[in-house]
PDB file of N, CA and C in Angstrom:
ATOM      1  N   MET A   1       0.801  -1.276  -0.011  1.00  0.00           N
ATOM      2  CA  MET A   1       0.015  -0.052  -0.085  1.00  0.00           C
ATOM      3  C   MET A   1       0.770   1.181   0.257  1.00  0.00           C
ATOM      4  N   GLU A   2       0.270   2.115  -0.766  1.00  0.00           N
ATOM      5  CA  GLU A   2       1.059   3.472  -0.740  1.00  0.00           C
ATOM      6  C   GLU A   2       0.510   4.488   0.210  1.00  0.00           C
ATOM      7  N   GLU A   3       1.701   4.958   1.002  1.00  0.00           N
ATOM      8  CA  GLU A   3       1.264   6.195   2.018  1.00  0.00           C
ATOM      9  C   GLU A   3       0.851   7.499   1.373  1.00  0.00           C
ATOM     10  N   ASN A   4      -0.230   8.065   1.972  1.00  0.00           N
ATOM     11  CA  ASN A   4      -0.838   9.068   1.357  1.00  0.00           C
ATOM     12  C   ASN A   4      -1.028  10.364   2.189  1.00  0.00           C
ATOM     13  N   GLU A   5      -0.663  11.108   1.967  1.00  0.00           N
ATOM     14  CA  GLU A   5      -0.888  12.554   2.913  1.00  0.00           C
ATOM     15  C   GLU A   5      -2.052  12.938   3.657  1.00  0.00           C
ATOM     16  N   LYS A   6      -3.130  12.430   2.881  1.00  0.00           N
ATOM     17  CA  LYS A   6      -4.486  12.722   3.448  1.00  0.00           C
ATOM     18  C   LYS A   6      -4.524  12.046   4.564  1.00  0.00           C
ATOM     19  N   GLN A   7      -4.462  10.847   4.438  1.00  0.00           N
ATOM     20  CA  GLN A   7      -4.315   9.788   5.550  1.00  0.00           C
ATOM     21  C   GLN A   7      -3.407   9.938   6.623  1.00  0.00           C
ATOM     22  N   ASN A   8      -2.306  10.439   6.192  1.00  0.00           N
ATOM     23  CA  ASN A   8      -1.252  10.856   7.347  1.00  0.00           C
ATOM     24  C   ASN A   8      -2.045  12.240   8.370  1.00  0.00           C
ATOM     25  N   GLN A   9      -2.424  13.084   7.205  1.00  0.00           N
ATOM     26  CA  GLN A   9      -3.262  14.034   8.217  1.00  0.00           C
ATOM     27  C   GLN A   9      -4.493  13.774   9.181  1.00  0.00           C
ATOM     28  N   ARG A  10      -5.021  12.951   8.616  1.00  0.00           N
ATOM     29  CA  ARG A  10      -6.016  12.539   9.102  1.00  0.00           C
ATOM     30  C   ARG A  10      -5.939  11.593  10.798  1.00  0.00           C
ATOM     31  N   ILE A  11      -4.537  10.927  10.457  1.00  0.00           N
ATOM     32  CA  ILE A  11      -4.101  10.319  11.665  1.00  0.00           C
ATOM     33  C   ILE A  11      -3.757  11.184  12.734  1.00  0.00           C
ATOM     34  N   ALA A  12      -2.909  12.376  12.188  1.00  0.00           N
ATOM     35  CA  ALA A  12      -2.524  13.395  13.110  1.00  0.00           C
ATOM     36  C   ALA A  12      -3.645  13.856  14.033  1.00  0.00           C
ATOM     37  N   LYS A  13      -4.946  14.163  13.397  1.00  0.00           N
ATOM     38  CA  LYS A  13      -5.730  15.032  14.198  1.00  0.00           C
ATOM     39  C   LYS A  13      -6.667  14.088  14.904  1.00  0.00           C
ATOM     40  N   ILE A  14      -6.647  12.638  15.122  1.00  0.00           N
ATOM     41  CA  ILE A  14      -7.283  11.558  15.823  1.00  0.00           C
ATOM     42  C   ILE A  14      -7.022  12.201  17.533  1.00  0.00           C
ATOM     43  N   THR A  15      -7.927  12.039  17.949  1.00  0.00           N
ATOM     44  CA  THR A  15      -7.762  12.356  19.502  1.00  0.00           C
ATOM     45  C   THR A  15      -7.040  10.953  20.099  1.00  0.00           C
ATOM     46  N   PHE A  16      -6.295  10.861  20.879  1.00  0.00           N
ATOM     47  CA  PHE A  16      -5.749   9.244  21.504  1.00  0.00           C
ATOM     48  C   PHE A  16      -6.849   9.180  22.469  1.00  0.00           C
ATOM     49  N   ALA A  17      -7.792   9.946  23.168  1.00  0.00           N
ATOM     50  CA  ALA A  17      -8.806   9.545  23.986  1.00  0.00           C
ATOM     51  C   ALA A  17      -9.780   8.574  23.212  1.00  0.00           C
ATOM     52  N   SER A  18     -10.282   9.269  21.783  1.00  0.00           N
ATOM     53  CA  SER A  18     -11.202   8.313  21.169  1.00  0.00           C
ATOM     54  C   SER A  18     -10.516   6.995  20.745  1.00  0.00           C
ATOM     55  N   VAL A  19      -9.572   6.740  20.667  1.00  0.00           N
ATOM     56  CA  VAL A  19      -8.746   5.206  20.341  1.00  0.00           C
ATOM     57  C   VAL A  19      -8.580   4.524  21.697  1.00  0.00           C
ATOM     58  N   TYR A  20      -8.248   5.112  22.673  1.00  0.00           N
ATOM     59  CA  TYR A  20      -7.615   4.427  23.949  1.00  0.00           C
ATOM     60  C   TYR A  20      -8.595   3.331  24.463  1.00  0.00           C
ATOM     61  N   PRO A  21      -9.971   3.588  24.410  1.00  0.00           N
ATOM     62  CA  PRO A  21     -10.848   2.749  24.768  1.00  0.00           C
ATOM     63  C   PRO A  21     -10.925   1.377  23.804  1.00  0.00           C
ATOM     64  N   HIS A  22     -10.762   1.808  22.653  1.00  0.00           N
ATOM     65  CA  HIS A  22     -10.568   0.614  21.791  1.00  0.00           C
ATOM     66  C   HIS A  22      -9.457  -0.407  21.908  1.00  0.00           C
ATOM     67  N   TYR A  23      -8.409   0.208  22.407  1.00  0.00           N
ATOM     68  CA  TYR A  23      -6.936  -0.398  23.042  1.00  0.00           C
ATOM     69  C   TYR A  23      -7.227  -1.367  24.005  1.00  0.00           C
ATOM     70  N   ILE A  24      -7.810  -0.642  25.169  1.00  0.00           N
ATOM     71  CA  ILE A  24      -8.437  -1.303  26.217  1.00  0.00           C
ATOM     72  C   ILE A  24      -9.233  -2.634  25.932  1.00  0.00           C
ATOM     73  N   LYS A  25     -10.342  -2.354  25.290  1.00  0.00           N
ATOM     74  CA  LYS A  25     -11.176  -3.359  24.748  1.00  0.00           C
ATOM     75  C   LYS A  25     -10.405  -4.673  24.028  1.00  0.00           C
ATOM     76  N   LYS A  26      -9.645  -4.076  22.994  1.00  0.00           N
ATOM     77  CA  LYS A  26      -8.938  -5.245  22.320  1.00  0.00           C
ATOM     78  C   LYS A  26      -7.921  -6.204  23.023  1.00  0.00           C
ATOM     79  N   VAL A  27      -7.168  -5.392  24.122  1.00  0.00           N
ATOM     80  CA  VAL A  27      -6.199  -6.332  25.066  1.00  0.00           C
ATOM     81  C   VAL A  27      -7.158  -6.829  25.922  1.00  0.00           C
ATOM     82  N   GLU A  28      -8.048  -6.520  26.765  1.00  0.00           N
ATOM     83  CA  GLU A  28      -8.917  -7.344  27.642  1.00  0.00           C
ATOM     84  C   GLU A  28      -9.789  -8.606  26.945  1.00  0.00           C
ATOM     85  N   THR A  29     -10.153  -8.280  25.917  1.00  0.00           N
ATOM     86  CA  THR A  29     -10.995  -9.278  25.072  1.00  0.00           C
ATOM     87  C   THR A  29     -10.136 -10.623  24.675  1.00  0.00           C
ATOM     88  N   LYS A  30      -9.132 -10.136  24.690  1.00  0.00           N
ATOM     89  CA  LYS A  30      -7.704 -11.123  24.495  1.00  0.00           C
ATOM     90  C   LYS A  30      -7.200 -11.985  25.576  1.00  0.00           C
ATOM     91  N   GLY A  31      -7.764 -11.529  26.806  1.00  0.00           N
ATOM     92  CA  GLY A  31      -6.986 -11.942  27.959  1.00  0.00           C
ATOM     93  C   GLY A  31      -6.208 -11.149  28.815  1.00  0.00           C
ATOM     94  N   ARG A  32      -5.843 -10.131  28.393  1.00  0.00           N
ATOM     95  CA  ARG A  32      -4.497  -9.123  28.642  1.00  0.00           C
ATOM     96  C   ARG A  32      -4.938  -8.090  29.514  1.00  0.00           C
ATOM     97  N   SER A  33      -4.399  -7.374  30.493  1.00  0.00           N
ATOM     98  CA  SER A  33      -4.829  -6.526  31.366  1.00  0.00           C
ATOM     99  C   SER A  33      -4.400  -5.105  30.703  1.00  0.00           C
ATOM    100  N   VAL A  34      -5.376  -4.284  31.518  1.00  0.00           N
ATOM    101  CA  VAL A  34      -4.841  -2.783  31.216  1.00  0.00           C
ATOM    102  C   VAL A  34      -3.550  -2.119  31.699  1.00  0.00           C
ATOM    103  N   GLN A  35      -3.075  -3.102  32.870  1.00  0.00           N
ATOM    104  CA  GLN A  35      -1.842  -2.785  33.295  1.00  0.00           C
ATOM    105  C   GLN A  35      -0.764  -3.379  32.450  1.00  0.00           C
ATOM    106  N   GLU A  36      -0.994  -4.353  31.708  1.00  0.00           N
ATOM    107  CA  GLU A  36       0.022  -4.671  30.565  1.00  0.00           C
ATOM    108  C   GLU A  36      -0.048  -3.692  29.586  1.00  0.00           C
ATOM    109  N   LEU A  37      -1.065  -3.016  29.020  1.00  0.00           N
ATOM    110  CA  LEU A  37      -1.236  -2.205  28.083  1.00  0.00           C
ATOM    111  C   LEU A  37      -0.789  -0.921  28.377  1.00  0.00           C
ATOM    112  N   HIS A  38      -0.577  -0.457  29.416  1.00  0.00           N
ATOM    113  CA  HIS A  38       0.023   0.711  30.204  1.00  0.00           C
ATOM    114  C   HIS A  38       1.387   0.360  30.187  1.00  0.00           C
ATOM    115  N   ARG A  39       2.144  -0.589  30.593  1.00  0.00           N
ATOM    116  CA  ARG A  39       3.525  -1.036  30.404  1.00  0.00           C
ATOM    117  C   ARG A  39       4.042  -0.717  28.925  1.00  0.00           C
ATOM    118  N   VAL A  40       3.236  -1.098  28.038  1.00  0.00           N
ATOM    119  CA  VAL A  40       3.566  -1.106  26.671  1.00  0.00           C
ATOM    120  C   VAL A  40       3.478   0.571  26.295  1.00  0.00           C
ATOM    121  N   ILE A  41       2.581   0.780  26.345  1.00  0.00           N
ATOM    122  CA  ILE A  41       2.524   2.453  26.107  1.00  0.00           C
ATOM    123  C   ILE A  41       3.661   3.217  26.648  1.00  0.00           C
ATOM    124  N   GLU A  42       3.996   2.864  28.036  1.00  0.00           N
ATOM    125  CA  GLU A  42       5.032   3.757  28.895  1.00  0.00           C
ATOM    126  C   GLU A  42       6.499   3.219  28.154  1.00  0.00           C
ATOM    127  N   TRP A  43       6.559   2.196  27.902  1.00  0.00           N
ATOM    128  CA  TRP A  43       7.812   1.423  26.928  1.00  0.00           C
ATOM    129  C   TRP A  43       7.963   2.224  25.878  1.00  0.00           C
ATOM    130  N   LEU A  44       6.992   2.570  25.163  1.00  0.00           N
ATOM    131  CA  LEU A  44       7.253   3.155  23.841  1.00  0.00           C
ATOM    132  C   LEU A  44       7.183   4.811  23.865  1.00  0.00           C
ATOM    133  N   THR A  45       6.579   5.346  24.748  1.00  0.00           N
ATOM    134  CA  THR A  45       6.158   6.781  24.861  1.00  0.00           C
ATOM    135  C   THR A  45       7.169   7.627  26.213  1.00  0.00           C
ATOM    136  N   GLY A  46       7.096   6.598  27.251  1.00  0.00           N
ATOM    137  CA  GLY A  46       7.851   7.162  28.437  1.00  0.00           C
ATOM    138  C   GLY A  46       6.650   7.784  29.217  1.00  0.00           C
ATOM    139  N   PHE A  47       5.114   7.635  28.989  1.00  0.00           N
ATOM    140  CA  PHE A  47       4.127   8.208  29.734  1.00  0.00           C
ATOM    141  C   PHE A  47       3.779   6.993  30.926  1.00  0.00           C
ATOM    142  N   ASP A  48       3.898   7.528  31.849  1.00  0.00           N
ATOM    143  CA  ASP A  48       3.191   6.614  32.916  1.00  0.00           C
ATOM    144  C   ASP A  48       1.707   6.644  33.146  1.00  0.00           C
ATOM    145  N   GLU A  49       1.040   6.003  33.957  1.00  0.00           N
ATOM    146  CA  GLU A  49      -0.251   5.778  34.029  1.00  0.00           C
ATOM    147  C   GLU A  49      -1.008   7.268  34.235  1.00  0.00           C
ATOM    148  N   ILE A  50      -0.180   8.134  35.164  1.00  0.00           N
ATOM    149  CA  ILE A  50      -0.955   9.597  35.377  1.00  0.00           C
ATOM    150  C   ILE A  50      -0.520  10.492  34.351  1.00  0.00           C
ATOM    151  N   LYS A  51       0.427  10.527  33.778  1.00  0.00           N
ATOM    152  CA  LYS A  51       0.598  11.224  32.506  1.00  0.00           C
ATOM    153  C   LYS A  51      -0.280  10.680  31.328  1.00  0.00           C
ATOM    154  N   LEU A  52      -0.530   9.789  31.220  1.00  0.00           N
ATOM    155  CA  LEU A  52      -1.512   9.121  30.158  1.00  0.00           C
ATOM    156  C   LEU A  52      -2.840   9.257  30.547  1.00  0.00           C
ATOM    157  N   GLN A  53      -3.463   9.226  31.719  1.00  0.00           N
ATOM    158  CA  GLN A  53      -4.537   9.694  31.901  1.00  0.00           C
ATOM    159  C   GLN A  53      -4.593  11.290  31.681  1.00  0.00           C
ATOM    160  N   LYS A  54      -4.140  11.941  31.895  1.00  0.00           N
ATOM    161  CA  LYS A  54      -4.047  13.582  31.705  1.00  0.00           C
ATOM    162  C   LYS A  54      -4.119  13.731  30.344  1.00  0.00           C
ATOM    163  N   LEU A  55      -3.538  13.160  29.578  1.00  0.00           N
ATOM    164  CA  LEU A  55      -3.669  13.257  28.252  1.00  0.00           C
ATOM    165  C   LEU A  55      -4.634  12.770  27.580  1.00  0.00           C
ATOM    166  N   VAL A  56      -5.278  11.617  28.244  1.00  0.00           N
ATOM    167  CA  VAL A  56      -6.708  11.125  27.866  1.00  0.00           C
ATOM    168  C   VAL A  56      -7.837  12.140  28.204  1.00  0.00           C
ATOM    169  N   ASP A  57      -7.488  12.992  29.171  1.00  0.00           N
ATOM    170  CA  ASP A  57      -8.327  13.747  29.890  1.00  0.00           C
ATOM    171  C   ASP A  57      -8.565  15.273  28.967  1.00  0.00           C
ATOM    172  N   GLU A  58      -7.076  15.526  28.612  1.00  0.00           N
ATOM    173  CA  GLU A  58      -6.935  16.763  27.608  1.00  0.00           C
ATOM    174  C   GLU A  58      -7.472  16.873  26.211  1.00  0.00           C
ATOM    175  N   LYS A  59      -7.738  15.472  25.939  1.00  0.00           N
ATOM    176  CA  LYS A  59      -8.224  14.699  24.496  1.00  0.00           C
ATOM    177  C   LYS A  59      -7.064  15.462  23.504  1.00  0.00           C
ATOM    178  N   VAL A  60      -5.867  15.067  23.912  1.00  0.00           N
ATOM    179  CA  VAL A  60      -4.743  15.407  23.033  1.00  0.00           C
ATOM    180  C   VAL A  60      -4.943  14.738  21.498  1.00  0.00           C
ATOM    181  N   THR A  61      -4.494  15.179  20.648  1.00  0.00           N
ATOM    182  CA  THR A  61      -4.478  14.484  19.079  1.00  0.00           C
ATOM    183  C   THR A  61      -3.290  13.625  19.151  1.00  0.00           C
ATOM    184  N   PHE A  62      -3.268  12.675  18.374  1.00  0.00           N
ATOM    185  CA  PHE A  62      -1.830  11.835  18.052  1.00  0.00           C
ATOM    186  C   PHE A  62      -0.817  12.766  17.914  1.00  0.00           C
ATOM    187  N   GLU A  63      -0.943  13.788  17.339  1.00  0.00           N
ATOM    188  CA  GLU A  63       0.473  14.835  16.724  1.00  0.00           C
ATOM    189  C   GLU A  63       0.710  15.366  18.266  1.00  0.00           C
ATOM    190  N   GLN A  64      -0.224  15.592  19.098  1.00  0.00           N
ATOM    191  CA  GLN A  64       0.015  16.482  20.075  1.00  0.00           C
ATOM    192  C   GLN A  64       0.678  15.194  21.277  1.00  0.00           C
ATOM    193  N   PHE A  65       0.152  13.915  21.243  1.00  0.00           N
ATOM    194  CA  PHE A  65       0.523  13.021  22.007  1.00  0.00           C
ATOM    195  C   PHE A  65       1.942  12.556  21.686  1.00  0.00           C
ATOM    196  N   PHE A  66       2.467  12.234  20.655  1.00  0.00           N
ATOM    197  CA  PHE A  66       3.757  12.148  20.090  1.00  0.00           C
ATOM    198  C   PHE A  66       4.482  13.269  20.126  1.00  0.00           C
ATOM    199  N   GLU A  67       4.132  14.222  19.935  1.00  0.00           N
ATOM    200  CA  GLU A  67       5.343  15.493  20.244  1.00  0.00           C
ATOM    201  C   GLU A  67       5.845  15.702  21.657  1.00  0.00           C
ATOM    202  N   SER A  68       4.797  15.007  22.862  1.00  0.00           N
ATOM    203  CA  SER A  68       5.153  15.088  24.023  1.00  0.00           C
ATOM    204  C   SER A  68       6.000  13.744  24.494  1.00  0.00           C
ATOM    205  N   ALA A  69       5.867  13.056  23.801  1.00  0.00           N
ATOM    206  CA  ALA A  69       6.444  11.556  24.123  1.00  0.00           C
ATOM    207  C   ALA A  69       7.825  11.657  23.974  1.00  0.00           C
ATOM    208  N   ASN A  70       8.544  10.565  25.138  1.00  0.00           N
ATOM    209  CA  ASN A  70      10.156  10.452  24.624  1.00  0.00           C
ATOM    210  C   ASN A  70      10.095   9.074  24.144  1.00  0.00           C
ATOM    211  N   LEU A  71      10.214   8.975  22.828  1.00  0.00           N
ATOM    212  CA  LEU A  71       9.991   7.600  22.160  1.00  0.00           C
ATOM    213  C   LEU A  71      11.217   6.636  22.682  1.00  0.00           C
ATOM    214  N   ASN A  72      11.047   5.703  22.878  1.00  0.00           N
ATOM    215  CA  ASN A  72      11.960   4.422  23.206  1.00  0.00           C
ATOM    216  C   ASN A  72      12.960   4.654  22.209  1.00  0.00           C
ATOM    217  N   ALA A  73      14.503   4.400  22.611  1.00  0.00           N
ATOM    218  CA  ALA A  73      15.355   4.172  21.850  1.00  0.00           C
ATOM    219  C   ALA A  73      15.318   2.839  20.737  1.00  0.00           C
ATOM    220  N   ASN A  74      14.590   2.000  21.393  1.00  0.00           N
ATOM    221  CA  ASN A  74      14.319   0.838  20.579  1.00  0.00           C
ATOM    222  C   ASN A  74      13.348   0.383  19.731  1.00  0.00           C
ATOM    223  N   ALA A  75      12.538   1.715  19.695  1.00  0.00           N
ATOM    224  CA  ALA A  75      11.289   1.622  18.896  1.00  0.00           C
ATOM    225  C   ALA A  75      11.636   1.060  17.313  1.00  0.00           C
ATOM    226  N   SER A  76      12.850   1.657  17.014  1.00  0.00           N
ATOM    227  CA  SER A  76      13.047   1.355  15.650  1.00  0.00           C
ATOM    228  C   SER A  76      12.914  -0.294  15.342  1.00  0.00           C
ATOM    229  N   LEU A  77      13.105  -1.085  16.298  1.00  0.00           N
ATOM    230  CA  LEU A  77      13.277  -2.478  16.174  1.00  0.00           C
ATOM    231  C   LEU A  77      11.907  -3.296  16.063  1.00  0.00           C
ATOM    232  N   ILE A  78      10.401  -2.320  16.078  1.00  0.00           N
ATOM    233  CA  ILE A  78       9.164  -2.742  15.633  1.00  0.00           C
ATOM    234  C   ILE A  78       9.405  -2.779  14.341  1.00  0.00           C
ATOM    235  N   LYS A  79       8.954  -4.089  13.814  1.00  0.00           N
ATOM    236  CA  LYS A  79       8.769  -4.381  12.408  1.00  0.00           C
ATOM    237  C   LYS A  79       7.288  -5.096  12.310  1.00  0.00           C
ATOM    238  N   GLY A  80       7.046  -5.225  10.950  1.00  0.00           N
ATOM    239  CA  GLY A  80       6.081  -6.127  10.480  1.00  0.00           C
ATOM    240  C   GLY A  80       4.775  -5.223  10.056  1.00  0.00           C
ATOM    241  N   SER A  81       3.673  -5.810   9.709  1.00  0.00           N
ATOM    242  CA  SER A  81       2.665  -5.274   9.045  1.00  0.00           C
ATOM    243  C   SER A  81       1.338  -4.847  10.154  1.00  0.00           C
ATOM    244  N   ILE A  82       1.023  -3.353   9.997  1.00  0.00           N
ATOM    245  CA  ILE A  82       0.076  -3.310  10.640  1.00  0.00           C
ATOM    246  C   ILE A  82      -1.003  -2.396   9.817  1.00  0.00           C
ATOM    247  N   CYS A  83      -2.185  -2.853   9.740  1.00  0.00           N
ATOM    248  CA  CYS A  83      -3.125  -1.861   8.685  1.00  0.00           C
ATOM    249  C   CYS A  83      -2.613  -1.936   7.560  1.00  0.00           C
ATOM    250  N   GLY A  84      -2.010  -2.729   7.196  1.00  0.00           N
ATOM    251  CA  GLY A  84      -1.847  -3.001   5.543  1.00  0.00           C
ATOM    252  C   GLY A  84      -0.369  -2.549   5.397  1.00  0.00           C
ATOM    253  N   TYR A  85       0.180  -1.860   6.197  1.00  0.00           N
ATOM    254  CA  TYR A  85       1.671  -1.177   6.073  1.00  0.00           C
ATOM    255  C   TYR A  85       2.566  -1.944   6.628  1.00  0.00           C
ATOM    256  N   LYS A  86       4.009  -1.964   6.070  1.00  0.00           N
ATOM    257  CA  LYS A  86       5.060  -2.458   6.871  1.00  0.00           C
ATOM    258  C   LYS A  86       5.465  -1.105   7.605  1.00  0.00           C
ATOM    259  N   VAL A  87       5.332  -1.625   9.052  1.00  0.00           N
ATOM    260  CA  VAL A  87       5.826  -0.333   9.953  1.00  0.00           C
ATOM    261  C   VAL A  87       7.231   0.299   9.507  1.00  0.00           C
ATOM    262  N   GLU A  88       8.140  -0.668   9.054  1.00  0.00           N
ATOM    263  CA  GLU A  88       9.555  -0.107   8.874  1.00  0.00           C
ATOM    264  C   GLU A  88       9.798   0.541   7.665  1.00  0.00           C
ATOM    265  N   GLU A  89       8.672   0.628   6.905  1.00  0.00           N
ATOM    266  CA  GLU A  89       8.607   1.353   5.344  1.00  0.00           C
ATOM    267  C   GLU A  89       7.790   2.408   5.473  1.00  0.00           C
ATOM    268  N   ILE A  90       7.173   2.860   6.524  1.00  0.00           N
ATOM    269  CA  ILE A  90       6.516   4.029   6.669  1.00  0.00           C
ATOM    270  C   ILE A  90       7.508   5.447   6.649  1.00  0.00           C
ATOM    271  N   ILE A  91       7.047   6.427   5.890  1.00  0.00           N
ATOM    272  CA  ILE A  91       7.986   7.540   5.948  1.00  0.00           C
ATOM    273  C   ILE A  91       7.479   8.481   6.922  1.00  0.00           C
ATOM    274  N   ASN A  92       6.191   8.967   6.891  1.00  0.00           N
ATOM    275  CA  ASN A  92       5.696  10.341   7.974  1.00  0.00           C
ATOM    276  C   ASN A  92       6.199   9.452   9.095  1.00  0.00           C
ATOM    277  N   PRO A  93       7.056  10.725   9.791  1.00  0.00           N
ATOM    278  CA  PRO A  93       7.408  10.106  11.148  1.00  0.00           C
ATOM    279  C   PRO A  93       6.094   9.864  12.119  1.00  0.00           C
ATOM    280  N   LEU A  94       5.141  10.926  12.157  1.00  0.00           N
ATOM    281  CA  LEU A  94       4.306  10.832  12.983  1.00  0.00           C
ATOM    282  C   LEU A  94       3.408   9.484  12.651  1.00  0.00           C
ATOM    283  N   THR A  95       2.957   9.121  11.568  1.00  0.00           N
ATOM    284  CA  THR A  95       2.544   8.230  11.335  1.00  0.00           C
ATOM    285  C   THR A  95       3.169   6.688  11.686  1.00  0.00           C
ATOM    286  N   LYS A  96       4.371   6.739  11.634  1.00  0.00           N
ATOM    287  CA  LYS A  96       5.344   5.681  11.933  1.00  0.00           C
ATOM    288  C   LYS A  96       4.894   5.077  13.242  1.00  0.00           C
ATOM    289  N   LYS A  97       5.186   6.395  13.985  1.00  0.00           N
ATOM    290  CA  LYS A  97       4.906   6.427  15.638  1.00  0.00           C
ATOM    291  C   LYS A  97       3.307   5.947  15.919  1.00  0.00           C
ATOM    292  N   VAL A  98       2.433   6.134  15.641  1.00  0.00           N
ATOM    293  CA  VAL A  98       1.242   5.845  15.621  1.00  0.00           C
ATOM    294  C   VAL A  98       1.086   4.221  15.293  1.00  0.00           C
ATOM    295  N   ARG A  99       1.635   3.921  14.117  1.00  0.00           N
ATOM    296  CA  ARG A  99       1.626   2.448  13.832  1.00  0.00           C
ATOM    297  C   ARG A  99       2.582   1.717  14.682  1.00  0.00           C
ATOM    298  N   TYR A 100       3.549   2.161  15.351  1.00  0.00           N
ATOM    299  CA  TYR A 100       4.516   1.391  16.544  1.00  0.00           C
ATOM    300  C   TYR A 100       3.600   1.023  17.583  1.00  0.00           C
ATOM    301  N   LEU A 101       2.773   1.982  17.980  1.00  0.00           N
ATOM    302  CA  LEU A 101       1.907   1.938  19.079  1.00  0.00           C
ATOM    303  C   LEU A 101       0.897   0.865  18.715  1.00  0.00           C
ATOM    304  N   ASP A 102       0.232   0.784  17.532  1.00  0.00           N
ATOM    305  CA  ASP A 102      -0.768  -0.118  16.957  1.00  0.00           C
ATOM    306  C   ASP A 102      -0.092  -1.627  17.043  1.00  0.00           C
ATOM    307  N   LYS A 103       1.029  -1.686  16.332  1.00  0.00           N
ATOM    308  CA  LYS A 103       1.918  -2.831  16.257  1.00  0.00           C
ATOM    309  C   LYS A 103       1.805  -3.360  17.708  1.00  0.00           C
ATOM    310  N   LEU A 104       2.383  -2.665  18.477  1.00  0.00           N
ATOM    311  CA  LEU A 104       3.034  -3.365  20.295  1.00  0.00           C
ATOM    312  C   LEU A 104       1.492  -3.765  20.691  1.00  0.00           C
ATOM    313  N   ILE A 105       0.355  -2.956  20.416  1.00  0.00           N
ATOM    314  CA  ILE A 105      -0.938  -3.270  20.964  1.00  0.00           C
ATOM    315  C   ILE A 105      -1.496  -4.601  20.339  1.00  0.00           C
ATOM    316  N   ASP A 106      -1.467  -4.681  19.146  1.00  0.00           N
ATOM    317  CA  ASP A 106      -1.665  -5.925  18.550  1.00  0.00           C
ATOM    318  C   ASP A 106      -0.659  -6.977  18.894  1.00  0.00           C
ATOM    319  N   GLU A 107       0.509  -7.071  19.165  1.00  0.00           N
ATOM    320  CA  GLU A 107       1.494  -8.029  19.683  1.00  0.00           C
ATOM    321  C   GLU A 107       0.639  -8.519  21.205  1.00  0.00           C
ATOM    322  N   LEU A 108       0.481  -7.330  21.694  1.00  0.00           N
ATOM    323  CA  LEU A 108       0.072  -7.851  23.166  1.00  0.00           C
ATOM    324  C   LEU A 108      -1.300  -8.593  22.990  1.00  0.00           C
ATOM    325  N   ALA A 109      -2.216  -8.339  22.154  1.00  0.00           N
ATOM    326  CA  ALA A 109      -3.512  -8.991  22.116  1.00  0.00           C
ATOM    327  C   ALA A 109      -3.441 -10.121  21.507  1.00  0.00           C
ATOM    328  N   LYS A 110      -2.433 -10.364  21.012  1.00  0.00           N
ATOM    329  CA  LYS A 110      -2.246 -11.725  20.152  1.00  0.00           C
ATOM    330  C   LYS A 110      -1.316 -12.849  21.039  1.00  0.00           C
ATOM    331  N   GLY A 111      -0.924 -12.345  22.512  1.00  0.00           N
ATOM    332  CA  GLY A 111      -0.547 -13.038  23.279  1.00  0.00           C
ATOM    333  C   GLY A 111       0.983 -13.265  23.233  1.00  0.00           C
ATOM    334  N   LYS A 112       1.629 -12.388  22.635  1.00  0.00           N
ATOM    335  CA  LYS A 112       3.061 -12.294  22.837  1.00  0.00           C
ATOM    336  C   LYS A 112       3.692 -12.154  24.228  1.00  0.00           C
ATOM    337  N   LYS A 113       4.818 -12.756  24.570  1.00  0.00           N
ATOM    338  CA  LYS A 113       5.485 -12.497  26.037  1.00  0.00           C
ATOM    339  C   LYS A 113       5.745 -10.667  25.753  1.00  0.00           C
ATOM    340  N   MET A 114       5.901 -10.344  27.189  1.00  0.00           N
ATOM    341  CA  MET A 114       5.988  -8.991  27.339  1.00  0.00           C
ATOM    342  C   MET A 114       7.543  -8.561  26.883  1.00  0.00           C
ATOM    343  N   GLU A 115       8.343  -9.719  27.119  1.00  0.00           N
ATOM    344  CA  GLU A 115      10.052  -9.372  26.644  1.00  0.00           C
ATOM    345  C   GLU A 115      10.066  -9.204  25.370  1.00  0.00           C
ATOM    346  N   SER A 116       9.305 -10.000  24.682  1.00  0.00           N
ATOM    347  CA  SER A 116       9.097  -9.895  22.970  1.00  0.00           C
ATOM    348  C   SER A 116       8.689  -8.476  22.646  1.00  0.00           C
ATOM    349  N   ILE A 117       7.586  -8.356  23.168  1.00  0.00           N
ATOM    350  CA  ILE A 117       6.892  -6.674  22.803  1.00  0.00           C
ATOM    351  C   ILE A 117       7.623  -5.533  23.167  1.00  0.00           C
ATOM    352  N   LEU A 118       8.347  -5.755  24.095  1.00  0.00           N
ATOM    353  CA  LEU A 118       9.428  -4.343  24.645  1.00  0.00           C
ATOM    354  C   LEU A 118      10.799  -4.703  24.094  1.00  0.00           C
ATOM    355  N   ARG A 119      10.863  -5.308  23.320  1.00  0.00           N
ATOM    356  CA  ARG A 119      12.042  -5.640  22.410  1.00  0.00           C
ATOM    357  C   ARG A 119      13.448  -5.686  23.382  1.00  0.00           C
ATOM    358  N   GLN A 120      13.034  -6.716  24.366  1.00  0.00           N
ATOM    359  CA  GLN A 120      14.153  -7.009  25.267  1.00  0.00           C
ATOM    360  C   GLN A 120      15.080  -8.409  24.780  1.00  0.00           C
TER     361      GLN A 120
END
C-alpha cells in the first residue's frame, strides 16, 4: 500500500482519547490487562499512568501525544505489518509512531510475551 498525505493528516488529528478505549477493549478481550497495556505504552512513549490519564482527559491529538512523548530508543526494532503497511517502510514520522503503538498493542492482544513486545 502506498502512503498518502491525506491519510497521514487524518491520523495526526485523531484524538488519543477516542482510540484509547478501543485499545483497552482489544487487549482485555484477548485476556490481557490494562496494566500490561499501560506498560507497553509507557515503554514506547515514556508516559506513566498519571501522565497517560492526563493526556486522555485533555483529549490531545496523536500529533500532540507524540510531540510530548519520549520515544524509546528501541522503537526502530518494531517491524512487521499493521493496517496493511510495513511499519519499517512508513515515511511520515508521526504515522510511523502511531503504527508502532498499533503494532505493540496488536502483539499484546495476540498473546506475545512481554519481553518480546518490549524488544528485550
